[in-house]
């Protein structure tokens, strides 16, 4: 976990690796580290500035916190998901299983 490595490096408990150095340099320049940006799929290029990346991450966390607190939701923010295609495939599979074992091709999701 890069955040733990950075914290350990700053505290003097970890060795500074090239990956940690890249994260520290990016944070000093107020930009999102490449490692973090690659994990933020669905931000539509809004990861160049660190503040935008943090805002997008905060929105994701709020979405999932509400989902956990309220249970199943009727609407899902697709950009909040790391892999939206996998979510859609899973939703189709659940729909088919719940409908008595319909073939997966029988489920059509419309937006």
PDB file of N, CA and C in Angstrom:
ATOM      1  N   UNK A   1       0.854  -1.184   0.000  1.00  0.00           N
ATOM      2  CA  UNK A   1       0.000   0.000   0.000  1.00  0.00           C
ATOM      3  C   UNK A   1       0.889   1.232   0.000  1.00  0.00           C
ATOM      4  N   UNK A   2       0.800   2.052  -1.030  1.00  0.00           N
ATOM      5  CA  UNK A   2       1.712   3.183  -1.185  1.00  0.00           C
ATOM      6  C   UNK A   2       1.565   4.218  -0.084  1.00  0.00           C
ATOM      7  N   UNK A   3       0.351   4.429   0.428  1.00  0.00           N
ATOM      8  CA  UNK A   3       0.167   5.416   1.490  1.00  0.00           C
ATOM      9  C   UNK A   3       0.918   4.991   2.753  1.00  0.00           C
ATOM     10  N   UNK A   4       0.893   3.704   3.081  1.00  0.00           N
ATOM     11  CA  UNK A   4       1.623   3.214   4.250  1.00  0.00           C
ATOM     12  C   UNK A   4       3.127   3.325   4.040  1.00  0.00           C
ATOM     13  N   UNK A   5       3.585   3.019   2.820  1.00  0.00           N
ATOM     14  CA  UNK A   5       5.010   3.134   2.521  1.00  0.00           C
ATOM     15  C   UNK A   5       5.476   4.581   2.638  1.00  0.00           C
ATOM     16  N   UNK A   6       4.678   5.502   2.125  1.00  0.00           N
ATOM     17  CA  UNK A   6       5.030   6.923   2.206  1.00  0.00           C
ATOM     18  C   UNK A   6       5.083   7.362   3.660  1.00  0.00           C
ATOM     19  N   UNK A   7       4.071   6.977   4.441  1.00  0.00           N
ATOM     20  CA  UNK A   7       4.043   7.343   5.861  1.00  0.00           C
ATOM     21  C   UNK A   7       5.254   6.764   6.587  1.00  0.00           C
ATOM     22  N   UNK A   8       5.596   5.519   6.295  1.00  0.00           N
ATOM     23  CA  UNK A   8       6.762   4.897   6.910  1.00  0.00           C
ATOM     24  C   UNK A   8       8.049   5.561   6.492  1.00  0.00           C
ATOM     25  N   UNK A   9       8.134   5.990   5.250  1.00  0.00           N
ATOM     26  CA  UNK A   9       9.311   6.675   4.737  1.00  0.00           C
ATOM     27  C   UNK A   9       9.477   8.038   5.408  1.00  0.00           C
ATOM     28  N   UNK A  10       8.374   8.772   5.546  1.00  0.00           N
ATOM     29  CA  UNK A  10       8.413  10.079   6.199  1.00  0.00           C
ATOM     30  C   UNK A  10       8.814   9.927   7.667  1.00  0.00           C
ATOM     31  N   UNK A  11       8.338   8.858   8.315  1.00  0.00           N
ATOM     32  CA  UNK A  11       8.666   8.604   9.723  1.00  0.00           C
ATOM     33  C   UNK A  11      10.083   8.061   9.895  1.00  0.00           C
ATOM     34  N   UNK A  12      10.694   7.648   8.787  1.00  0.00           N
ATOM     35  CA  UNK A  12      12.047   7.102   8.858  1.00  0.00           C
ATOM     36  C   UNK A  12      12.078   5.613   9.112  1.00  0.00           C
ATOM     37  N   UNK A  13      10.941   4.947   8.997  1.00  0.00           N
ATOM     38  CA  UNK A  13      10.860   3.511   9.255  1.00  0.00           C
ATOM     39  C   UNK A  13      10.984   2.665   7.991  1.00  0.00           C
ATOM     40  N   UNK A  14      10.868   3.287   6.830  1.00  0.00           N
ATOM     41  CA  UNK A  14      10.922   2.568   5.554  1.00  0.00           C
ATOM     42  C   UNK A  14      12.022   3.157   4.672  1.00  0.00           C
ATOM     43  N   UNK A  15      12.511   2.330   3.757  1.00  0.00           N
ATOM     44  CA  UNK A  15      13.504   2.780   2.788  1.00  0.00           C
ATOM     45  C   UNK A  15      12.781   3.474   1.645  1.00  0.00           C
ATOM     46  N   UNK A  16      13.368   4.555   1.150  1.00  0.00           N
ATOM     47  CA  UNK A  16      12.751   5.298   0.048  1.00  0.00           C
ATOM     48  C   UNK A  16      13.025   4.585  -1.268  1.00  0.00           C
ATOM     49  N   UNK A  17      11.979   4.007  -1.846  1.00  0.00           N
ATOM     50  CA  UNK A  17      12.087   3.308  -3.124  1.00  0.00           C
ATOM     51  C   UNK A  17      11.716   4.282  -4.242  1.00  0.00           C
ATOM     52  N   UNK A  18      11.998   3.939  -5.500  1.00  0.00           N
ATOM     53  CA  UNK A  18      11.589   4.817  -6.597  1.00  0.00           C
ATOM     54  C   UNK A  18      10.082   5.074  -6.624  1.00  0.00           C
ATOM     55  N   UNK A  19       9.284   4.065  -6.274  1.00  0.00           N
ATOM     56  CA  UNK A  19       7.827   4.250  -6.262  1.00  0.00           C
ATOM     57  C   UNK A  19       7.415   5.240  -5.182  1.00  0.00           C
ATOM     58  N   UNK A  20       8.018   5.121  -4.002  1.00  0.00           N
ATOM     59  CA  UNK A  20       7.714   6.060  -2.910  1.00  0.00           C
ATOM     60  C   UNK A  20       8.184   7.452  -3.286  1.00  0.00           C
ATOM     61  N   UNK A  21       9.362   7.549  -3.891  1.00  0.00           N
ATOM     62  CA  UNK A  21       9.884   8.846  -4.317  1.00  0.00           C
ATOM     63  C   UNK A  21       8.946   9.517  -5.316  1.00  0.00           C
ATOM     64  N   UNK A  22       8.372   8.729  -6.245  1.00  0.00           N
ATOM     65  CA  UNK A  22       7.435   9.292  -7.224  1.00  0.00           C
ATOM     66  C   UNK A  22       6.193   9.823  -6.527  1.00  0.00           C
ATOM     67  N   UNK A  23       5.692   9.078  -5.540  1.00  0.00           N
ATOM     68  CA  UNK A  23       4.509   9.520  -4.796  1.00  0.00           C
ATOM     69  C   UNK A  23       4.820  10.815  -4.036  1.00  0.00           C
ATOM     70  N   UNK A  24       5.955  10.842  -3.339  1.00  0.00           N
ATOM     71  CA  UNK A  24       6.336  12.044  -2.579  1.00  0.00           C
ATOM     72  C   UNK A  24       6.525  13.249  -3.487  1.00  0.00           C
ATOM     73  N   UNK A  25       7.177  13.042  -4.619  1.00  0.00           N
ATOM     74  CA  UNK A  25       7.392  14.141  -5.568  1.00  0.00           C
ATOM     75  C   UNK A  25       6.069  14.665  -6.099  1.00  0.00           C
ATOM     76  N   UNK A  26       5.165  13.770  -6.454  1.00  0.00           N
ATOM     77  CA  UNK A  26       3.852  14.186  -6.959  1.00  0.00           C
ATOM     78  C   UNK A  26       3.088  14.969  -5.900  1.00  0.00           C
ATOM     79  N   UNK A  27       3.111  14.494  -4.667  1.00  0.00           N
ATOM     80  CA  UNK A  27       2.397  15.195  -3.596  1.00  0.00           C
ATOM     81  C   UNK A  27       2.993  16.578  -3.340  1.00  0.00           C
ATOM     82  N   UNK A  28       4.313  16.686  -3.407  1.00  0.00           N
ATOM     83  CA  UNK A  28       4.960  18.004  -3.245  1.00  0.00           C
ATOM     84  C   UNK A  28       4.530  18.971  -4.351  1.00  0.00           C
ATOM     85  N   UNK A  29       4.257  18.436  -5.528  1.00  0.00           N
ATOM     86  CA  UNK A  29       3.858  19.258  -6.677  1.00  0.00           C
ATOM     87  C   UNK A  29       2.348  19.400  -6.785  1.00  0.00           C
ATOM     88  N   UNK A  30       1.618  18.931  -5.779  1.00  0.00           N
ATOM     89  CA  UNK A  30       0.148  19.009  -5.725  1.00  0.00           C
ATOM     90  C   UNK A  30      -0.511  18.340  -6.926  1.00  0.00           C
ATOM     91  N   UNK A  31       0.085  17.226  -7.361  1.00  0.00           N
ATOM     92  CA  UNK A  31      -0.539  16.441  -8.427  1.00  0.00           C
ATOM     93  C   UNK A  31      -0.731  15.018  -7.948  1.00  0.00           C
ATOM     94  N   UNK A  32      -1.595  14.306  -8.612  1.00  0.00           N
ATOM     95  CA  UNK A  32      -1.905  12.935  -8.212  1.00  0.00           C
ATOM     96  C   UNK A  32      -0.781  12.003  -8.645  1.00  0.00           C
ATOM     97  N   UNK A  33      -0.261  11.180  -7.726  1.00  0.00           N
ATOM     98  CA  UNK A  33       0.752  10.190  -8.120  1.00  0.00           C
ATOM     99  C   UNK A  33       0.194   9.230  -9.162  1.00  0.00           C
ATOM    100  N   UNK A  34       1.037   8.821 -10.097  1.00  0.00           N
ATOM    101  CA  UNK A  34       0.603   7.922 -11.170  1.00  0.00           C
ATOM    102  C   UNK A  34      -0.021   6.643 -10.616  1.00  0.00           C
ATOM    103  N   UNK A  35       0.567   6.101  -9.567  1.00  0.00           N
ATOM    104  CA  UNK A  35       0.045   4.875  -8.975  1.00  0.00           C
ATOM    105  C   UNK A  35      -1.386   5.063  -8.489  1.00  0.00           C
ATOM    106  N   UNK A  36      -1.677   6.206  -7.908  1.00  0.00           N
ATOM    107  CA  UNK A  36      -3.022   6.486  -7.418  1.00  0.00           C
ATOM    108  C   UNK A  36      -3.973   6.762  -8.570  1.00  0.00           C
ATOM    109  N   UNK A  37      -3.508   7.507  -9.571  1.00  0.00           N
ATOM    110  CA  UNK A  37      -4.357   7.848 -10.716  1.00  0.00           C
ATOM    111  C   UNK A  37      -4.779   6.592 -11.466  1.00  0.00           C
ATOM    112  N   UNK A  38      -3.861   5.629 -11.577  1.00  0.00           N
ATOM    113  CA  UNK A  38      -4.203   4.395 -12.296  1.00  0.00           C
ATOM    114  C   UNK A  38      -5.265   3.592 -11.548  1.00  0.00           C
ATOM    115  N   UNK A  39      -5.388   3.807 -10.240  1.00  0.00           N
ATOM    116  CA  UNK A  39      -6.393   3.099  -9.446  1.00  0.00           C
ATOM    117  C   UNK A  39      -7.719   3.841  -9.407  1.00  0.00           C
ATOM    118  N   UNK A  40      -7.784   4.993 -10.051  1.00  0.00           N
ATOM    119  CA  UNK A  40      -8.993   5.822 -10.005  1.00  0.00           C
ATOM    120  C   UNK A  40      -9.705   5.807 -11.340  1.00  0.00           C
ATOM    121  N   UNK A  41     -10.007   4.642 -11.846  1.00  0.00           N
ATOM    122  CA  UNK A  41     -10.725   4.534 -13.119  1.00  0.00           C
ATOM    123  C   UNK A  41     -12.071   5.232 -13.020  1.00  0.00           C
ATOM    124  N   UNK A  42     -12.478   5.870 -14.088  1.00  0.00           N
ATOM    125  CA  UNK A  42     -13.787   6.516 -14.108  1.00  0.00           C
ATOM    126  C   UNK A  42     -13.784   7.971 -13.697  1.00  0.00           C
ATOM    127  N   UNK A  43     -12.593   8.559 -13.490  1.00  0.00           N
ATOM    128  CA  UNK A  43     -12.563   9.970 -13.109  1.00  0.00           C
ATOM    129  C   UNK A  43     -12.489  10.884 -14.326  1.00  0.00           C
ATOM    130  N   UNK A  44     -12.499  10.301 -15.519  1.00  0.00           N
ATOM    131  CA  UNK A  44     -12.521  11.070 -16.772  1.00  0.00           C
ATOM    132  C   UNK A  44     -11.394  12.086 -16.863  1.00  0.00           C
ATOM    133  N   UNK A  45     -10.191  11.660 -16.527  1.00  0.00           N
ATOM    134  CA  UNK A  45      -9.037  12.526 -16.647  1.00  0.00           C
ATOM    135  C   UNK A  45      -8.948  13.606 -15.591  1.00  0.00           C
ATOM    136  N   UNK A  46      -9.770  13.538 -14.567  1.00  0.00           N
ATOM    137  CA  UNK A  46      -9.766  14.572 -13.532  1.00  0.00           C
ATOM    138  C   UNK A  46      -8.738  14.282 -12.456  1.00  0.00           C
ATOM    139  N   UNK A  47      -7.728  13.468 -12.781  1.00  0.00           N
ATOM    140  CA  UNK A  47      -6.767  13.075 -11.760  1.00  0.00           C
ATOM    141  C   UNK A  47      -5.475  13.865 -11.817  1.00  0.00           C
ATOM    142  N   UNK A  48      -5.311  14.784 -12.745  1.00  0.00           N
ATOM    143  CA  UNK A  48      -4.060  15.525 -12.842  1.00  0.00           C
ATOM    144  C   UNK A  48      -3.821  16.347 -11.581  1.00  0.00           C
ATOM    145  N   UNK A  49      -4.830  17.031 -11.111  1.00  0.00           N
ATOM    146  CA  UNK A  49      -4.689  17.814  -9.896  1.00  0.00           C
ATOM    147  C   UNK A  49      -5.053  16.943  -8.700  1.00  0.00           C
ATOM    148  N   UNK A  50      -4.250  17.034  -7.674  1.00  0.00           N
ATOM    149  CA  UNK A  50      -4.487  16.237  -6.479  1.00  0.00           C
ATOM    150  C   UNK A  50      -5.839  16.558  -5.850  1.00  0.00           C
ATOM    151  N   UNK A  51      -6.224  17.828  -5.860  1.00  0.00           N
ATOM    152  CA  UNK A  51      -7.504  18.209  -5.248  1.00  0.00           C
ATOM    153  C   UNK A  51      -8.679  17.547  -5.956  1.00  0.00           C
ATOM    154  N   UNK A  52      -8.632  17.446  -7.276  1.00  0.00           N
ATOM    155  CA  UNK A  52      -9.714  16.785  -8.015  1.00  0.00           C
ATOM    156  C   UNK A  52      -9.747  15.284  -7.724  1.00  0.00           C
ATOM    157  N   UNK A  53      -8.577  14.682  -7.610  1.00  0.00           N
ATOM    158  CA  UNK A  53      -8.515  13.264  -7.290  1.00  0.00           C
ATOM    159  C   UNK A  53      -9.110  13.018  -5.912  1.00  0.00           C
ATOM    160  N   UNK A  54      -8.760  13.868  -4.948  1.00  0.00           N
ATOM    161  CA  UNK A  54      -9.288  13.715  -3.596  1.00  0.00           C
ATOM    162  C   UNK A  54     -10.802  13.915  -3.571  1.00  0.00           C
ATOM    163  N   UNK A  55     -11.310  14.883  -4.338  1.00  0.00           N
ATOM    164  CA  UNK A  55     -12.762  15.098  -4.414  1.00  0.00           C
ATOM    165  C   UNK A  55     -13.465  13.873  -4.988  1.00  0.00           C
ATOM    166  N   UNK A  56     -12.912  13.299  -6.053  1.00  0.00           N
ATOM    167  CA  UNK A  56     -13.510  12.106  -6.670  1.00  0.00           C
ATOM    168  C   UNK A  56     -13.474  10.928  -5.698  1.00  0.00           C
ATOM    169  N   UNK A  57     -12.382  10.790  -4.976  1.00  0.00           N
ATOM    170  CA  UNK A  57     -12.268   9.710  -3.992  1.00  0.00           C
ATOM    171  C   UNK A  57     -13.267   9.903  -2.865  1.00  0.00           C
ATOM    172  N   UNK A  58     -13.435  11.144  -2.407  1.00  0.00           N
ATOM    173  CA  UNK A  58     -14.401  11.440  -1.347  1.00  0.00           C
ATOM    174  C   UNK A  58     -15.826  11.113  -1.796  1.00  0.00           C
ATOM    175  N   UNK A  59     -16.169  11.451  -3.046  1.00  0.00           N
ATOM    176  CA  UNK A  59     -17.507  11.124  -3.561  1.00  0.00           C
ATOM    177  C   UNK A  59     -17.726   9.616  -3.587  1.00  0.00           C
ATOM    178  N   UNK A  60     -16.702   8.866  -4.001  1.00  0.00           N
ATOM    179  CA  UNK A  60     -16.804   7.404  -4.009  1.00  0.00           C
ATOM    180  C   UNK A  60     -17.045   6.870  -2.601  1.00  0.00           C
ATOM    181  N   UNK A  61     -16.284   7.394  -1.647  1.00  0.00           N
ATOM    182  CA  UNK A  61     -16.413   6.927  -0.267  1.00  0.00           C
ATOM    183  C   UNK A  61     -17.802   7.238   0.290  1.00  0.00           C
ATOM    184  N   UNK A  62     -18.327   8.422  -0.005  1.00  0.00           N
ATOM    185  CA  UNK A  62     -19.669   8.783   0.451  1.00  0.00           C
ATOM    186  C   UNK A  62     -20.715   7.865  -0.175  1.00  0.00           C
ATOM    187  N   UNK A  63     -20.561   7.579  -1.459  1.00  0.00           N
ATOM    188  CA  UNK A  63     -21.492   6.698  -2.158  1.00  0.00           C
ATOM    189  C   UNK A  63     -21.520   5.314  -1.506  1.00  0.00           C
ATOM    190  N   UNK A  64     -20.342   4.734  -1.291  1.00  0.00           N
ATOM    191  CA  UNK A  64     -20.287   3.392  -0.732  1.00  0.00           C
ATOM    192  C   UNK A  64     -20.702   3.369   0.735  1.00  0.00           C
ATOM    193  N   UNK A  65     -20.413   4.426   1.479  1.00  0.00           N
ATOM    194  CA  UNK A  65     -20.859   4.500   2.879  1.00  0.00           C
ATOM    195  C   UNK A  65     -22.387   4.521   2.943  1.00  0.00           C
ATOM    196  N   UNK A  66     -23.001   5.302   2.050  1.00  0.00           N
ATOM    197  CA  UNK A  66     -24.467   5.355   2.002  1.00  0.00           C
ATOM    198  C   UNK A  66     -25.029   4.004   1.580  1.00  0.00           C
ATOM    199  N   UNK A  67     -24.396   3.354   0.641  1.00  0.00           N
ATOM    200  CA  UNK A  67     -24.828   2.046   0.173  1.00  0.00           C
ATOM    201  C   UNK A  67     -24.799   1.045   1.323  1.00  0.00           C
ATOM    202  N   UNK A  68     -23.716   1.051   2.093  1.00  0.00           N
ATOM    203  CA  UNK A  68     -23.613   0.126   3.224  1.00  0.00           C
ATOM    204  C   UNK A  68     -24.640   0.439   4.301  1.00  0.00           C
ATOM    205  N   UNK A  69     -24.883   1.723   4.552  1.00  0.00           N
ATOM    206  CA  UNK A  69     -25.816   2.123   5.616  1.00  0.00           C
ATOM    207  C   UNK A  69     -27.266   1.831   5.252  1.00  0.00           C
ATOM    208  N   UNK A  70     -27.621   2.033   3.990  1.00  0.00           N
ATOM    209  CA  UNK A  70     -29.019   1.911   3.565  1.00  0.00           C
ATOM    210  C   UNK A  70     -29.344   0.565   2.938  1.00  0.00           C
ATOM    211  N   UNK A  71     -28.340  -0.245   2.692  1.00  0.00           N
ATOM    212  CA  UNK A  71     -28.587  -1.523   2.024  1.00  0.00           C
ATOM    213  C   UNK A  71     -28.603  -1.342   0.512  1.00  0.00           C
ATOM    214  N   UNK A  72     -29.266  -2.220  -0.166  1.00  0.00           N
ATOM    215  CA  UNK A  72     -29.322  -2.199  -1.626  1.00  0.00           C
ATOM    216  C   UNK A  72     -29.901  -0.889  -2.137  1.00  0.00           C
ATOM    217  N   UNK A  73     -29.306  -0.382  -3.193  1.00  0.00           N
ATOM    218  CA  UNK A  73     -29.744   0.895  -3.758  1.00  0.00           C
ATOM    219  C   UNK A  73     -30.468   0.677  -5.081  1.00  0.00           C
ATOM    220  N   UNK A  74     -31.306   1.634  -5.455  1.00  0.00           N
ATOM    221  CA  UNK A  74     -32.024   1.545  -6.729  1.00  0.00           C
ATOM    222  C   UNK A  74     -31.200   2.127  -7.872  1.00  0.00           C
ATOM    223  N   UNK A  75     -30.333   3.068  -7.556  1.00  0.00           N
ATOM    224  CA  UNK A  75     -29.503   3.728  -8.568  1.00  0.00           C
ATOM    225  C   UNK A  75     -28.043   3.584  -8.177  1.00  0.00           C
ATOM    226  N   UNK A  76     -27.202   3.339  -9.164  1.00  0.00           N
ATOM    227  CA  UNK A  76     -25.778   3.182  -8.919  1.00  0.00           C
ATOM    228  C   UNK A  76     -25.027   4.179  -9.785  1.00  0.00           C
ATOM    229  N   UNK A  77     -24.109   4.904  -9.168  1.00  0.00           N
ATOM    230  CA  UNK A  77     -23.249   5.822  -9.899  1.00  0.00           C
ATOM    231  C   UNK A  77     -22.144   5.008 -10.573  1.00  0.00           C
ATOM    232  N   UNK A  78     -22.265   4.779 -11.862  1.00  0.00           N
ATOM    233  CA  UNK A  78     -21.302   3.938 -12.566  1.00  0.00           C
ATOM    234  C   UNK A  78     -19.873   4.482 -12.479  1.00  0.00           C
ATOM    235  N   UNK A  79     -19.658   5.811 -12.567  1.00  0.00           N
ATOM    236  CA  UNK A  79     -18.280   6.294 -12.429  1.00  0.00           C
ATOM    237  C   UNK A  79     -17.689   6.034 -11.039  1.00  0.00           C
ATOM    238  N   UNK A  80     -18.515   5.767 -10.045  1.00  0.00           N
ATOM    239  CA  UNK A  80     -18.006   5.498  -8.701  1.00  0.00           C
ATOM    240  C   UNK A  80     -17.410   4.105  -8.591  1.00  0.00           C
ATOM    241  N   UNK A  81     -17.663   3.271  -9.557  1.00  0.00           N
ATOM    242  CA  UNK A  81     -17.182   1.894  -9.506  1.00  0.00           C
ATOM    243  C   UNK A  81     -15.825   1.775 -10.187  1.00  0.00           C
ATOM    244  N   UNK A  82     -14.982   0.905  -9.667  1.00  0.00           N
ATOM    245  CA  UNK A  82     -13.668   0.691 -10.256  1.00  0.00           C
ATOM    246  C   UNK A  82     -13.792  -0.007 -11.613  1.00  0.00           C
ATOM    247  N   UNK A  83     -14.682  -0.999 -11.701  1.00  0.00           N
ATOM    248  CA  UNK A  83     -14.875  -1.753 -12.935  1.00  0.00           C
ATOM    249  C   UNK A  83     -16.368  -1.814 -13.257  1.00  0.00           C
ATOM    250  N   UNK A  84     -16.924  -0.774 -13.899  1.00  0.00           N
ATOM    251  CA  UNK A  84     -18.360  -0.745 -14.169  1.00  0.00           C
ATOM    252  C   UNK A  84     -18.864  -1.931 -14.988  1.00  0.00           C
ATOM    253  N   UNK A  85     -18.079  -2.419 -15.924  1.00  0.00           N
ATOM    254  CA  UNK A  85     -18.523  -3.552 -16.754  1.00  0.00           C
ATOM    255  C   UNK A  85     -18.739  -4.798 -15.905  1.00  0.00           C
ATOM    256  N   UNK A  86     -17.871  -5.018 -14.947  1.00  0.00           N
ATOM    257  CA  UNK A  86     -18.028  -6.178 -14.065  1.00  0.00           C
ATOM    258  C   UNK A  86     -19.296  -6.042 -13.229  1.00  0.00           C
ATOM    259  N   UNK A  87     -19.615  -4.824 -12.798  1.00  0.00           N
ATOM    260  CA  UNK A  87     -20.831  -4.603 -12.024  1.00  0.00           C
ATOM    261  C   UNK A  87     -22.063  -4.903 -12.875  1.00  0.00           C
ATOM    262  N   UNK A  88     -22.062  -4.428 -14.106  1.00  0.00           N
ATOM    263  CA  UNK A  88     -23.202  -4.656 -14.993  1.00  0.00           C
ATOM    264  C   UNK A  88     -23.360  -6.151 -15.270  1.00  0.00           C
ATOM    265  N   UNK A  89     -22.260  -6.847 -15.505  1.00  0.00           N
ATOM    266  CA  UNK A  89     -22.328  -8.291 -15.742  1.00  0.00           C
ATOM    267  C   UNK A  89     -22.876  -9.008 -14.511  1.00  0.00           C
ATOM    268  N   UNK A  90     -22.443  -8.581 -13.338  1.00  0.00           N
ATOM    269  CA  UNK A  90     -22.939  -9.184 -12.100  1.00  0.00           C
ATOM    270  C   UNK A  90     -24.426  -8.904 -11.899  1.00  0.00           C
ATOM    271  N   UNK A  91     -24.860  -7.692 -12.217  1.00  0.00           N
ATOM    272  CA  UNK A  91     -26.279  -7.341 -12.091  1.00  0.00           C
ATOM    273  C   UNK A  91     -27.129  -8.198 -13.036  1.00  0.00           C
ATOM    274  N   UNK A  92     -26.651  -8.401 -14.253  1.00  0.00           N
ATOM    275  CA  UNK A  92     -27.379  -9.243 -15.202  1.00  0.00           C
ATOM    276  C   UNK A  92     -27.474 -10.673 -14.699  1.00  0.00           C
ATOM    277  N   UNK A  93     -26.384 -11.176 -14.141  1.00  0.00           N
ATOM    278  CA  UNK A  93     -26.377 -12.537 -13.625  1.00  0.00           C
ATOM    279  C   UNK A  93     -27.356 -12.691 -12.464  1.00  0.00           C
ATOM    280  N   UNK A  94     -27.374 -11.724 -11.555  1.00  0.00           N
ATOM    281  CA  UNK A  94     -28.311 -11.763 -10.420  1.00  0.00           C
ATOM    282  C   UNK A  94     -29.761 -11.712 -10.910  1.00  0.00           C
ATOM    283  N   UNK A  95     -30.018 -10.884 -11.910  1.00  0.00           N
ATOM    284  CA  UNK A  95     -31.360 -10.776 -12.479  1.00  0.00           C
ATOM    285  C   UNK A  95     -31.811 -12.117 -13.045  1.00  0.00           C
ATOM    286  N   UNK A  96     -30.934 -12.766 -13.785  1.00  0.00           N
ATOM    287  CA  UNK A  96     -31.275 -14.051 -14.390  1.00  0.00           C
ATOM    288  C   UNK A  96     -31.486 -15.130 -13.338  1.00  0.00           C
ATOM    289  N   UNK A  97     -30.647 -15.152 -12.324  1.00  0.00           N
ATOM    290  CA  UNK A  97     -30.801 -16.145 -11.253  1.00  0.00           C
ATOM    291  C   UNK A  97     -32.110 -15.928 -10.499  1.00  0.00           C
ATOM    292  N   UNK A  98     -32.450 -14.654 -10.250  1.00  0.00           N
ATOM    293  CA  UNK A  98     -33.666 -14.335  -9.520  1.00  0.00           C
ATOM    294  C   UNK A  98     -34.928 -14.600 -10.315  1.00  0.00           C
ATOM    295  N   UNK A  99     -34.796 -14.693 -11.622  1.00  0.00           N
ATOM    296  CA  UNK A  99     -35.957 -14.919 -12.482  1.00  0.00           C
ATOM    297  C   UNK A  99     -36.075 -16.390 -12.875  1.00  0.00           C
ATOM    298  N   UNK A 100     -35.629 -17.263 -12.007  1.00  0.00           N
ATOM    299  CA  UNK A 100     -35.803 -18.693 -12.268  1.00  0.00           C
ATOM    300  C   UNK A 100     -34.802 -19.283 -13.219  1.00  0.00           C
ATOM    301  N   UNK A 101     -33.644 -18.711 -13.341  1.00  0.00           N
ATOM    302  CA  UNK A 101     -32.600 -19.287 -14.177  1.00  0.00           C
ATOM    303  C   UNK A 101     -32.698 -18.934 -15.642  1.00  0.00           C
ATOM    304  N   UNK A 102     -33.154 -17.720 -15.941  1.00  0.00           N
ATOM    305  CA  UNK A 102     -33.173 -17.275 -17.349  1.00  0.00           C
ATOM    306  C   UNK A 102     -31.765 -17.310 -17.928  1.00  0.00           C
ATOM    307  N   UNK A 103     -31.651 -17.525 -19.239  1.00  0.00           N
ATOM    308  CA  UNK A 103     -30.329 -17.443 -19.860  1.00  0.00           C
ATOM    309  C   UNK A 103     -29.789 -16.010 -19.742  1.00  0.00           C
ATOM    310  N   UNK A 104     -28.504 -15.873 -19.585  1.00  0.00           N
ATOM    311  CA  UNK A 104     -27.887 -14.567 -19.413  1.00  0.00           C
ATOM    312  C   UNK A 104     -28.183 -13.640 -20.598  1.00  0.00           C
ATOM    313  N   UNK A 105     -28.291 -14.196 -21.785  1.00  0.00           N
ATOM    314  CA  UNK A 105     -28.597 -13.385 -22.973  1.00  0.00           C
ATOM    315  C   UNK A 105     -30.001 -12.798 -22.942  1.00  0.00           C
ATOM    316  N   UNK A 106     -30.867 -13.337 -22.082  1.00  0.00           N
ATOM    317  CA  UNK A 106     -32.242 -12.842 -22.016  1.00  0.00           C
ATOM    318  C   UNK A 106     -32.346 -11.524 -21.242  1.00  0.00           C
ATOM    319  N   UNK A 107     -31.322 -11.197 -20.454  1.00  0.00           N
ATOM    320  CA  UNK A 107     -31.349  -9.970 -19.643  1.00  0.00           C
ATOM    321  C   UNK A 107     -30.746  -8.816 -20.429  1.00  0.00           C
ATOM    322  N   UNK A 108     -31.547  -7.806 -20.660  1.00  0.00           N
ATOM    323  CA  UNK A 108     -31.097  -6.601 -21.374  1.00  0.00           C
ATOM    324  C   UNK A 108     -31.261  -5.424 -20.451  1.00  0.00           C
ATOM    325  N   UNK A 109     -30.152  -4.748 -20.187  1.00  0.00           N
ATOM    326  CA  UNK A 109     -30.204  -3.555 -19.344  1.00  0.00           C
ATOM    327  C   UNK A 109     -30.248  -2.314 -20.231  1.00  0.00           C
ATOM    328  N   UNK A 110     -31.162  -1.425 -19.913  1.00  0.00           N
ATOM    329  CA  UNK A 110     -31.291  -0.190 -20.698  1.00  0.00           C
ATOM    330  C   UNK A 110     -31.034   0.993 -19.785  1.00  0.00           C
ATOM    331  N   UNK A 111     -30.468   2.040 -20.347  1.00  0.00           N
ATOM    332  CA  UNK A 111     -30.222   3.256 -19.560  1.00  0.00           C
ATOM    333  C   UNK A 111     -31.199   4.335 -19.938  1.00  0.00           C
TER     334      UNK A 111
END
